[in-house]
Amino acid sequence: MQISYPLLLDGGLSNELESLGCDLNHKLWSARLLYEDVDSIVEAHKAYLKAGAKCIITSSYQASTRGFMSLGLSKKEAEELILKSVWAAEEAIRQTGKKDAIIAASIGPFGAYLGDGSEYHGNYHLSDESLKEFHTIRLRILEKSNAHIYACETIPSLREGKVLYDVLKDVKKQAWVSFSCKDDKHLCDGTPIKEIAKLFADHPNVFAIGVNCTKPEYISGLIKELKNVPHNKKIVVYPNSGEIYNALTKSWSGPITCTLLSKEWLQLGADIIGGCCRVGPTDIAEMSRAF
């Protein structure tokens, strides 16, 4: 599918599901609804499409064969549920008539599977080979889907970025890779964001690099850092609300620290813009008007 820029993404899936009355206090978070209440996922996608989003990200962020099988499901059932995340996006598009919408299959970090907040530091106790296997399994399943692209998102470290660099060389769909950052220059593990631009500058299957689930006040600086390195990749940014996530209670707290400066981000060179956790359809509608 041909992508037109600037491209407006959706917002946080979990917060919209919670607004629909869904309880996400579970190890699998929103992925739990793929086998318990997929209709709510469809409704959440629809809310963002109606708000003006041109690209919706699937509910596969925390979905994995390991996670589903730990609940007693078979490998086949687990694979079918991962594919069902794309079906939910397709169904939302069908019901809203937004036929030009793009489906991005979410590829969350290994830390999302752990469900302990480690997607914000990346200190996993496993080998690079095991990490590669984890990502390869889900990507091979989603290769069979009708998703247009991959959204490898909330990656906290250079290490996991390098693993994805290798894994994505063997896929058939194009991907963006976006990282969680601790300030306006560094990933959560302390790596300068410039290193990511250098790493993926020549990747044949990665069309965009950027940042997500990061405080909005850091986004402008991070865009500048990414633009200061020669590369031909699109820039993708979709911050959270600025609130702080508590991994133990699986809840957010604190002030919304910054407005979503989509016009400023566009002027600085961002090509793909949206929202992550705690950013809702009202925010995306406001961004749509700004676009």
C-alpha atoms as a PDB file:
ATOM      1  CA  MET A   1       0.000   0.000   0.000  1.00  0.00           C
ATOM      2  CA  GLN A   2       1.184   3.513  -0.866  1.00  0.00           C
ATOM      3  CA  ILE A   3       1.633   5.688   2.234  1.00  0.00           C
ATOM      4  CA  SER A   4       0.901   9.413   2.128  1.00  0.00           C
ATOM      5  CA  TYR A   5       2.785  11.741   4.451  1.00  0.00           C
ATOM      6  CA  PRO A   6       2.379  13.177   6.968  1.00  0.00           C
ATOM      7  CA  LEU A   7       0.709  10.073   8.375  1.00  0.00           C
ATOM      8  CA  LEU A   8      -1.515  10.317  11.448  1.00  0.00           C
ATOM      9  CA  LEU A   9      -1.407   7.320  13.791  1.00  0.00           C
ATOM     10  CA  ASP A  10      -3.899   6.293  16.453  1.00  0.00           C
ATOM     11  CA  GLY A  11      -3.412   6.722  20.213  1.00  0.00           C
ATOM     12  CA  GLY A  12      -3.118   4.350  23.152  1.00  0.00           C
ATOM     13  CA  LEU A  13      -5.117   1.163  22.769  1.00  0.00           C
ATOM     14  CA  SER A  14      -5.138   0.247  26.461  1.00  0.00           C
ATOM     15  CA  ASN A  15      -6.586   3.533  27.712  1.00  0.00           C
ATOM     16  CA  GLU A  16      -9.364   3.423  25.118  1.00  0.00           C
ATOM     17  CA  LEU A  17     -10.179  -0.155  26.099  1.00  0.00           C
ATOM     18  CA  GLU A  18     -10.344   0.890  29.734  1.00  0.00           C
ATOM     19  CA  SER A  19     -12.709   3.709  28.803  1.00  0.00           C
ATOM     20  CA  LEU A  20     -14.948   1.005  27.315  1.00  0.00           C
ATOM     21  CA  GLY A  21     -14.990  -0.757  30.690  1.00  0.00           C
ATOM     22  CA  CYS A  22     -12.337  -3.417  30.041  1.00  0.00           C
ATOM     23  CA  ASP A  23     -10.186  -4.644  32.928  1.00  0.00           C
ATOM     24  CA  LEU A  24      -6.580  -4.873  31.741  1.00  0.00           C
ATOM     25  CA  ASN A  25      -4.956  -5.746  35.068  1.00  0.00           C
ATOM     26  CA  HIS A  26      -3.581  -8.981  33.683  1.00  0.00           C
ATOM     27  CA  LYS A  27      -0.207 -10.346  32.588  1.00  0.00           C
ATOM     28  CA  LEU A  28      -1.226 -10.135  28.931  1.00  0.00           C
ATOM     29  CA  TRP A  29      -2.711  -6.641  29.247  1.00  0.00           C
ATOM     30  CA  SER A  30      -4.809  -5.767  26.146  1.00  0.00           C
ATOM     31  CA  ALA A  31      -3.777  -9.014  24.389  1.00  0.00           C
ATOM     32  CA  ARG A  32      -5.985 -10.863  26.896  1.00  0.00           C
ATOM     33  CA  LEU A  33      -9.029  -9.483  25.077  1.00  0.00           C
ATOM     34  CA  LEU A  34      -8.067 -11.295  21.877  1.00  0.00           C
ATOM     35  CA  TYR A  35      -9.629 -14.425  23.350  1.00  0.00           C
ATOM     36  CA  GLU A  36     -12.044 -12.873  25.861  1.00  0.00           C
ATOM     37  CA  ASP A  37     -13.532  -9.781  24.208  1.00  0.00           C
ATOM     38  CA  VAL A  38     -12.213  -9.039  20.725  1.00  0.00           C
ATOM     39  CA  ASP A  39     -15.265  -6.874  19.979  1.00  0.00           C
ATOM     40  CA  SER A  40     -13.942  -4.257  22.404  1.00  0.00           C
ATOM     41  CA  ILE A  41     -10.651  -4.153  20.482  1.00  0.00           C
ATOM     42  CA  VAL A  42     -12.615  -3.542  17.295  1.00  0.00           C
ATOM     43  CA  GLU A  43     -14.528  -0.703  18.988  1.00  0.00           C
ATOM     44  CA  ALA A  44     -11.290   0.898  20.230  1.00  0.00           C
ATOM     45  CA  HIS A  45      -9.825   0.822  16.717  1.00  0.00           C
ATOM     46  CA  LYS A  46     -13.029   2.339  15.359  1.00  0.00           C
ATOM     47  CA  ALA A  47     -12.821   5.239  17.793  1.00  0.00           C
ATOM     48  CA  TYR A  48      -9.420   6.202  16.428  1.00  0.00           C
ATOM     49  CA  LEU A  49     -10.434   5.794  12.802  1.00  0.00           C
ATOM     50  CA  LYS A  50     -13.422   8.060  13.413  1.00  0.00           C
ATOM     51  CA  ALA A  51     -11.089  10.564  15.095  1.00  0.00           C
ATOM     52  CA  GLY A  52      -9.059  10.809  11.899  1.00  0.00           C
ATOM     53  CA  ALA A  53      -6.250   8.268  12.303  1.00  0.00           C
ATOM     54  CA  LYS A  54      -4.939   6.961   8.987  1.00  0.00           C
ATOM     55  CA  CYS A  55      -2.977   4.110  10.536  1.00  0.00           C
ATOM     56  CA  ILE A  56      -4.023   1.825  13.390  1.00  0.00           C
ATOM     57  CA  ILE A  57      -1.649  -0.330  15.393  1.00  0.00           C
ATOM     58  CA  THR A  58      -2.794  -3.857  16.263  1.00  0.00           C
ATOM     59  CA  SER A  59      -3.302  -5.357  19.728  1.00  0.00           C
ATOM     60  CA  SER A  60      -0.336  -7.729  19.334  1.00  0.00           C
ATOM     61  CA  TYR A  61       2.071  -5.597  21.410  1.00  0.00           C
ATOM     62  CA  GLN A  62       1.939  -8.014  24.344  1.00  0.00           C
ATOM     63  CA  ALA A  63       0.742 -11.046  22.374  1.00  0.00           C
ATOM     64  CA  SER A  64       3.156 -13.947  22.023  1.00  0.00           C
ATOM     65  CA  THR A  65       2.967 -17.714  21.716  1.00  0.00           C
ATOM     66  CA  ARG A  66       4.792 -17.992  25.058  1.00  0.00           C
ATOM     67  CA  GLY A  67       2.299 -15.746  26.784  1.00  0.00           C
ATOM     68  CA  PHE A  68      -0.816 -17.460  25.444  1.00  0.00           C
ATOM     69  CA  MET A  69       0.577 -20.949  25.982  1.00  0.00           C
ATOM     70  CA  SER A  70       1.330 -20.059  29.623  1.00  0.00           C
ATOM     71  CA  LEU A  71      -2.447 -19.772  30.035  1.00  0.00           C
ATOM     72  CA  GLY A  72      -2.961 -23.321  28.784  1.00  0.00           C
ATOM     73  CA  LEU A  73      -3.613 -22.612  25.103  1.00  0.00           C
ATOM     74  CA  SER A  74      -2.041 -24.742  22.388  1.00  0.00           C
ATOM     75  CA  LYS A  75       0.608 -23.394  20.036  1.00  0.00           C
ATOM     76  CA  LYS A  76      -1.925 -23.346  17.190  1.00  0.00           C
ATOM     77  CA  GLU A  77      -4.451 -21.452  19.301  1.00  0.00           C
ATOM     78  CA  ALA A  78      -1.775 -18.948  20.310  1.00  0.00           C
ATOM     79  CA  GLU A  79      -0.810 -18.326  16.685  1.00  0.00           C
ATOM     80  CA  GLU A  80      -4.460 -17.867  15.711  1.00  0.00           C
ATOM     81  CA  LEU A  81      -4.929 -15.263  18.439  1.00  0.00           C
ATOM     82  CA  ILE A  82      -1.901 -13.278  17.237  1.00  0.00           C
ATOM     83  CA  LEU A  83      -3.375 -13.267  13.734  1.00  0.00           C
ATOM     84  CA  LYS A  84      -6.731 -12.281  15.238  1.00  0.00           C
ATOM     85  CA  SER A  85      -5.184  -8.958  16.263  1.00  0.00           C
ATOM     86  CA  VAL A  86      -4.910  -8.059  12.579  1.00  0.00           C
ATOM     87  CA  TRP A  87      -8.441  -9.322  11.913  1.00  0.00           C
ATOM     88  CA  ALA A  88      -9.733  -6.908  14.601  1.00  0.00           C
ATOM     89  CA  ALA A  89      -8.088  -3.997  12.800  1.00  0.00           C
ATOM     90  CA  GLU A  90      -9.497  -5.177   9.465  1.00  0.00           C
ATOM     91  CA  GLU A  91     -12.966  -5.450  10.972  1.00  0.00           C
ATOM     92  CA  ALA A  92     -12.764  -1.903  12.353  1.00  0.00           C
ATOM     93  CA  ILE A  93     -11.805  -0.639   8.908  1.00  0.00           C
ATOM     94  CA  ARG A  94     -14.683  -2.562   7.337  1.00  0.00           C
ATOM     95  CA  GLN A  95     -17.220  -1.219   9.819  1.00  0.00           C
ATOM     96  CA  THR A  96     -16.069   2.408   9.450  1.00  0.00           C
ATOM     97  CA  GLY A  97     -15.537   2.299   5.695  1.00  0.00           C
ATOM     98  CA  LYS A  98     -12.025   3.759   6.078  1.00  0.00           C
ATOM     99  CA  LYS A  99     -10.657   1.614   3.278  1.00  0.00           C
ATOM    100  CA  ASP A 100      -7.461   3.614   2.879  1.00  0.00           C
ATOM    101  CA  ALA A 101      -6.379   3.031   6.499  1.00  0.00           C
ATOM    102  CA  ILE A 102      -3.064   1.293   7.085  1.00  0.00           C
ATOM    103  CA  ILE A 103      -2.665  -1.585   9.532  1.00  0.00           C
ATOM    104  CA  ALA A 104       0.595  -1.693  11.465  1.00  0.00           C
ATOM    105  CA  ALA A 105       1.188  -4.993  13.251  1.00  0.00           C
ATOM    106  CA  SER A 106       2.587  -4.221  16.688  1.00  0.00           C
ATOM    107  CA  ILE A 107       5.850  -5.926  17.637  1.00  0.00           C
ATOM    108  CA  GLY A 108       6.463  -5.082  21.272  1.00  0.00           C
ATOM    109  CA  PRO A 109       9.781  -5.604  23.075  1.00  0.00           C
ATOM    110  CA  PHE A 110      10.584  -8.729  25.051  1.00  0.00           C
ATOM    111  CA  GLY A 111       9.842  -6.732  28.182  1.00  0.00           C
ATOM    112  CA  ALA A 112       6.188  -6.450  27.163  1.00  0.00           C
ATOM    113  CA  TYR A 113       5.908 -10.252  27.331  1.00  0.00           C
ATOM    114  CA  LEU A 114       7.389 -10.174  30.839  1.00  0.00           C
ATOM    115  CA  GLY A 115       4.732  -7.679  31.913  1.00  0.00           C
ATOM    116  CA  ASP A 116       6.987  -6.152  34.569  1.00  0.00           C
ATOM    117  CA  GLY A 117       7.764  -2.774  33.038  1.00  0.00           C
ATOM    118  CA  SER A 118      11.134  -3.888  31.689  1.00  0.00           C
ATOM    119  CA  GLU A 119      10.299  -2.402  28.289  1.00  0.00           C
ATOM    120  CA  TYR A 120      11.471   0.803  29.969  1.00  0.00           C
ATOM    121  CA  HIS A 121      14.966  -0.448  30.774  1.00  0.00           C
ATOM    122  CA  GLY A 122      15.668  -3.570  28.680  1.00  0.00           C
ATOM    123  CA  ASN A 123      17.630  -5.468  31.327  1.00  0.00           C
ATOM    124  CA  TYR A 124      16.510  -8.915  30.228  1.00  0.00           C
ATOM    125  CA  HIS A 125      18.131 -12.058  31.591  1.00  0.00           C
ATOM    126  CA  LEU A 126      18.417 -13.993  28.339  1.00  0.00           C
ATOM    127  CA  SER A 127      20.863 -14.375  25.469  1.00  0.00           C
ATOM    128  CA  ASP A 128      20.783 -12.454  22.198  1.00  0.00           C
ATOM    129  CA  GLU A 129      19.944 -15.733  20.452  1.00  0.00           C
ATOM    130  CA  SER A 130      16.897 -16.284  22.672  1.00  0.00           C
ATOM    131  CA  LEU A 131      15.826 -12.675  22.136  1.00  0.00           C
ATOM    132  CA  LYS A 132      16.153 -13.147  18.380  1.00  0.00           C
ATOM    133  CA  GLU A 133      14.082 -16.332  18.523  1.00  0.00           C
ATOM    134  CA  PHE A 134      11.329 -14.550  20.492  1.00  0.00           C
ATOM    135  CA  HIS A 135      10.958 -11.818  17.859  1.00  0.00           C
ATOM    136  CA  THR A 136      11.352 -14.185  14.909  1.00  0.00           C
ATOM    137  CA  ILE A 137       8.452 -16.412  15.998  1.00  0.00           C
ATOM    138  CA  ARG A 138       5.913 -13.577  16.134  1.00  0.00           C
ATOM    139  CA  LEU A 139       7.138 -11.956  12.925  1.00  0.00           C
ATOM    140  CA  ARG A 140       6.810 -15.254  11.042  1.00  0.00           C
ATOM    141  CA  ILE A 141       3.222 -15.574  12.265  1.00  0.00           C
ATOM    142  CA  LEU A 142       2.336 -12.001  11.274  1.00  0.00           C
ATOM    143  CA  GLU A 143       3.942 -12.455   7.851  1.00  0.00           C
ATOM    144  CA  LYS A 144       0.825 -14.524   7.069  1.00  0.00           C
ATOM    145  CA  SER A 145      -1.511 -11.658   7.956  1.00  0.00           C
ATOM    146  CA  ASN A 146      -2.952  -8.767   5.955  1.00  0.00           C
ATOM    147  CA  ALA A 147      -1.074  -6.181   8.001  1.00  0.00           C
ATOM    148  CA  HIS A 148       0.574  -3.671   5.705  1.00  0.00           C
ATOM    149  CA  ILE A 149       3.625  -2.910   7.842  1.00  0.00           C
ATOM    150  CA  TYR A 150       5.249  -3.755  11.173  1.00  0.00           C
ATOM    151  CA  ALA A 151       5.465  -1.384  14.129  1.00  0.00           C
ATOM    152  CA  CYS A 152       8.426  -2.537  16.220  1.00  0.00           C
ATOM    153  CA  GLU A 153       7.787  -0.286  19.179  1.00  0.00           C
ATOM    154  CA  THR A 154       8.849   0.760  22.678  1.00  0.00           C
ATOM    155  CA  ILE A 155      12.294  -0.775  22.192  1.00  0.00           C
ATOM    156  CA  PRO A 156      14.369   0.317  25.222  1.00  0.00           C
ATOM    157  CA  SER A 157      17.927  -0.533  24.250  1.00  0.00           C
ATOM    158  CA  LEU A 158      20.549  -0.603  21.540  1.00  0.00           C
ATOM    159  CA  ARG A 159      20.959  -4.314  22.216  1.00  0.00           C
ATOM    160  CA  GLU A 160      17.355  -5.148  21.325  1.00  0.00           C
ATOM    161  CA  GLY A 161      17.579  -2.740  18.398  1.00  0.00           C
ATOM    162  CA  LYS A 162      20.528  -4.701  17.006  1.00  0.00           C
ATOM    163  CA  VAL A 163      18.623  -7.971  17.400  1.00  0.00           C
ATOM    164  CA  LEU A 164      15.688  -6.502  15.469  1.00  0.00           C
ATOM    165  CA  TYR A 165      18.087  -5.215  12.817  1.00  0.00           C
ATOM    166  CA  ASP A 166      19.059  -8.815  12.090  1.00  0.00           C
ATOM    167  CA  VAL A 167      15.557 -10.291  12.366  1.00  0.00           C
ATOM    168  CA  LEU A 168      13.994  -7.668  10.070  1.00  0.00           C
ATOM    169  CA  LYS A 169      16.434  -8.472   7.264  1.00  0.00           C
ATOM    170  CA  ASP A 170      14.429 -11.637   6.608  1.00  0.00           C
ATOM    171  CA  VAL A 171      10.857 -10.269   6.557  1.00  0.00           C
ATOM    172  CA  LYS A 172       8.673  -9.444   3.566  1.00  0.00           C
ATOM    173  CA  LYS A 173       6.885  -6.406   4.995  1.00  0.00           C
ATOM    174  CA  GLN A 174       8.394  -2.991   5.652  1.00  0.00           C
ATOM    175  CA  ALA A 175       8.767  -1.893   9.280  1.00  0.00           C
ATOM    176  CA  TRP A 176       9.301   1.080  11.495  1.00  0.00           C
ATOM    177  CA  VAL A 177      11.373   0.752  14.657  1.00  0.00           C
ATOM    178  CA  SER A 178      10.677   3.139  17.525  1.00  0.00           C
ATOM    179  CA  PHE A 179      12.387   3.392  20.898  1.00  0.00           C
ATOM    180  CA  SER A 180      11.459   4.453  24.430  1.00  0.00           C
ATOM    181  CA  CYS A 181      13.678   7.291  25.640  1.00  0.00           C
ATOM    182  CA  LYS A 182      14.585   8.728  29.039  1.00  0.00           C
ATOM    183  CA  ASP A 183      15.339  12.284  27.867  1.00  0.00           C
ATOM    184  CA  ASP A 184      15.654  14.307  24.656  1.00  0.00           C
ATOM    185  CA  LYS A 185      18.863  12.599  23.512  1.00  0.00           C
ATOM    186  CA  HIS A 186      19.050   9.034  24.875  1.00  0.00           C
ATOM    187  CA  LEU A 187      17.238   5.712  24.821  1.00  0.00           C
ATOM    188  CA  CYS A 188      16.144   4.285  28.156  1.00  0.00           C
ATOM    189  CA  ASP A 189      19.395   2.300  28.343  1.00  0.00           C
ATOM    190  CA  GLY A 190      21.474   5.475  27.879  1.00  0.00           C
ATOM    191  CA  THR A 191      22.367   4.978  24.207  1.00  0.00           C
ATOM    192  CA  PRO A 192      22.370   8.241  22.204  1.00  0.00           C
ATOM    193  CA  ILE A 193      19.389   8.217  19.810  1.00  0.00           C
ATOM    194  CA  LYS A 194      21.836   9.217  17.059  1.00  0.00           C
ATOM    195  CA  GLU A 195      23.258   5.689  17.218  1.00  0.00           C
ATOM    196  CA  ILE A 196      19.874   4.331  16.146  1.00  0.00           C
ATOM    197  CA  ALA A 197      19.822   6.521  13.058  1.00  0.00           C
ATOM    198  CA  LYS A 198      23.301   5.281  12.204  1.00  0.00           C
ATOM    199  CA  LEU A 199      22.357   1.648  12.844  1.00  0.00           C
ATOM    200  CA  PHE A 200      19.270   1.585  10.629  1.00  0.00           C
ATOM    201  CA  ALA A 201      20.416   4.078   7.982  1.00  0.00           C
ATOM    202  CA  ASP A 202      21.025   1.341   5.408  1.00  0.00           C
ATOM    203  CA  HIS A 203      18.429  -1.238   6.480  1.00  0.00           C
ATOM    204  CA  PRO A 204      16.488  -2.506   3.425  1.00  0.00           C
ATOM    205  CA  ASN A 205      13.247  -3.309   5.265  1.00  0.00           C
ATOM    206  CA  VAL A 206      13.074  -0.473   7.807  1.00  0.00           C
ATOM    207  CA  PHE A 207      11.435   2.599   6.301  1.00  0.00           C
ATOM    208  CA  ALA A 208      11.116   4.694   9.466  1.00  0.00           C
ATOM    209  CA  ILE A 209      12.842   5.161  12.823  1.00  0.00           C
ATOM    210  CA  GLY A 210      11.779   7.104  15.853  1.00  0.00           C
ATOM    211  CA  VAL A 211      10.364   7.272  19.347  1.00  0.00           C
ATOM    212  CA  ASN A 212       7.235   6.194  21.201  1.00  0.00           C
ATOM    213  CA  CYS A 213       5.913   5.912  24.777  1.00  0.00           C
ATOM    214  CA  THR A 214       8.217   8.767  25.772  1.00  0.00           C
ATOM    215  CA  LYS A 215       7.339  12.042  27.489  1.00  0.00           C
ATOM    216  CA  PRO A 216       6.094  14.571  24.924  1.00  0.00           C
ATOM    217  CA  GLU A 217       8.464  17.302  26.111  1.00  0.00           C
ATOM    218  CA  TYR A 218      11.404  15.203  24.858  1.00  0.00           C
ATOM    219  CA  ILE A 219      10.077  14.661  21.344  1.00  0.00           C
ATOM    220  CA  SER A 220      11.288  17.867  19.659  1.00  0.00           C
ATOM    221  CA  GLY A 221      14.840  17.310  20.869  1.00  0.00           C
ATOM    222  CA  LEU A 222      14.802  13.675  19.794  1.00  0.00           C
ATOM    223  CA  ILE A 223      13.599  14.612  16.297  1.00  0.00           C
ATOM    224  CA  LYS A 224      16.488  17.074  16.019  1.00  0.00           C
ATOM    225  CA  GLU A 225      18.954  14.388  17.101  1.00  0.00           C
ATOM    226  CA  LEU A 226      17.611  11.931  14.519  1.00  0.00           C
ATOM    227  CA  LYS A 227      17.690  14.555  11.762  1.00  0.00           C
ATOM    228  CA  ASN A 228      21.329  15.382  12.532  1.00  0.00           C
ATOM    229  CA  VAL A 229      22.463  11.997  11.219  1.00  0.00           C
ATOM    230  CA  PRO A 230      22.483  11.390   7.430  1.00  0.00           C
ATOM    231  CA  HIS A 231      19.845   8.803   6.479  1.00  0.00           C
ATOM    232  CA  ASN A 232      16.805   8.511   4.230  1.00  0.00           C
ATOM    233  CA  LYS A 233      14.374   7.048   6.766  1.00  0.00           C
ATOM    234  CA  LYS A 234      11.061   8.596   7.736  1.00  0.00           C
ATOM    235  CA  ILE A 235      10.768   9.864  11.319  1.00  0.00           C
ATOM    236  CA  VAL A 236       7.997   8.409  13.498  1.00  0.00           C
ATOM    237  CA  VAL A 237       7.000   9.857  16.887  1.00  0.00           C
ATOM    238  CA  TYR A 238       4.093   8.925  19.133  1.00  0.00           C
ATOM    239  CA  PRO A 239       4.640   9.914  22.764  1.00  0.00           C
ATOM    240  CA  ASN A 240       2.616   9.025  25.820  1.00  0.00           C
ATOM    241  CA  SER A 241       0.810  11.659  27.905  1.00  0.00           C
ATOM    242  CA  GLY A 242       3.818  12.343  30.110  1.00  0.00           C
ATOM    243  CA  GLU A 243       2.441  10.422  33.068  1.00  0.00           C
ATOM    244  CA  ILE A 244       4.511   7.815  34.950  1.00  0.00           C
ATOM    245  CA  TYR A 245       3.793   4.073  34.642  1.00  0.00           C
ATOM    246  CA  ASN A 246       3.807   1.832  37.718  1.00  0.00           C
ATOM    247  CA  ALA A 247       4.623  -1.736  36.623  1.00  0.00           C
ATOM    248  CA  LEU A 248       3.443  -3.262  39.901  1.00  0.00           C
ATOM    249  CA  THR A 249      -0.053  -1.777  39.811  1.00  0.00           C
ATOM    250  CA  LYS A 250      -0.157  -1.489  36.006  1.00  0.00           C
ATOM    251  CA  SER A 251      -1.415   2.065  36.386  1.00  0.00           C
ATOM    252  CA  TRP A 252      -0.408   5.599  35.383  1.00  0.00           C
ATOM    253  CA  SER A 253      -0.113   8.589  37.673  1.00  0.00           C
ATOM    254  CA  GLY A 254       1.240  12.097  37.838  1.00  0.00           C
ATOM    255  CA  PRO A 255       0.533  15.176  35.730  1.00  0.00           C
ATOM    256  CA  ILE A 256       0.116  15.320  31.987  1.00  0.00           C
ATOM    257  CA  THR A 257       3.369  17.177  31.474  1.00  0.00           C
ATOM    258  CA  CYS A 258       3.074  18.571  27.976  1.00  0.00           C
ATOM    259  CA  THR A 259       0.622  19.109  25.161  1.00  0.00           C
ATOM    260  CA  LEU A 260       1.029  17.147  21.936  1.00  0.00           C
ATOM    261  CA  LEU A 261       2.890  19.614  19.715  1.00  0.00           C
ATOM    262  CA  SER A 262       2.117  17.917  16.401  1.00  0.00           C
ATOM    263  CA  LYS A 263       2.588  21.089  14.316  1.00  0.00           C
ATOM    264  CA  GLU A 264       6.012  21.701  15.837  1.00  0.00           C
ATOM    265  CA  TRP A 265       7.028  18.082  15.301  1.00  0.00           C
ATOM    266  CA  LEU A 266       5.952  18.270  11.666  1.00  0.00           C
ATOM    267  CA  GLN A 267       7.993  21.435  11.171  1.00  0.00           C
ATOM    268  CA  LEU A 268      11.044  19.753  12.707  1.00  0.00           C
ATOM    269  CA  GLY A 269      10.801  16.886  10.216  1.00  0.00           C
ATOM    270  CA  ALA A 270       8.565  14.172  11.675  1.00  0.00           C
ATOM    271  CA  ASP A 271       6.659  12.242   9.002  1.00  0.00           C
ATOM    272  CA  ILE A 272       4.508   9.892  11.129  1.00  0.00           C
ATOM    273  CA  ILE A 273       2.843  11.246  14.277  1.00  0.00           C
ATOM    274  CA  GLY A 274       0.375   9.890  16.803  1.00  0.00           C
ATOM    275  CA  GLY A 275       0.039   8.991  20.460  1.00  0.00           C
ATOM    276  CA  CYS A 276       0.867   6.130  22.778  1.00  0.00           C
ATOM    277  CA  CYS A 277      -0.288   5.337  26.325  1.00  0.00           C
ATOM    278  CA  ARG A 278      -2.932   7.667  27.784  1.00  0.00           C
ATOM    279  CA  VAL A 279      -3.409   9.529  24.509  1.00  0.00           C
ATOM    280  CA  GLY A 280      -7.011   9.086  23.389  1.00  0.00           C
ATOM    281  CA  PRO A 281      -9.330   9.676  20.419  1.00  0.00           C
ATOM    282  CA  THR A 282      -9.961  13.289  21.479  1.00  0.00           C
ATOM    283  CA  ASP A 283      -6.212  13.987  21.248  1.00  0.00           C
ATOM    284  CA  ILE A 284      -5.971  12.287  17.856  1.00  0.00           C
ATOM    285  CA  ALA A 285      -8.940  14.320  16.591  1.00  0.00           C
ATOM    286  CA  GLU A 286      -7.123  17.474  17.685  1.00  0.00           C
ATOM    287  CA  MET A 287      -3.983  16.308  15.861  1.00  0.00           C
ATOM    288  CA  SER A 288      -6.078  15.593  12.778  1.00  0.00           C
ATOM    289  CA  ARG A 289      -7.296  19.183  12.764  1.00  0.00           C
ATOM    290  CA  ALA A 290      -3.709  20.391  13.169  1.00  0.00           C
ATOM    291  CA  PHE A 291      -2.624  18.290  10.204  1.00  0.00           C
END
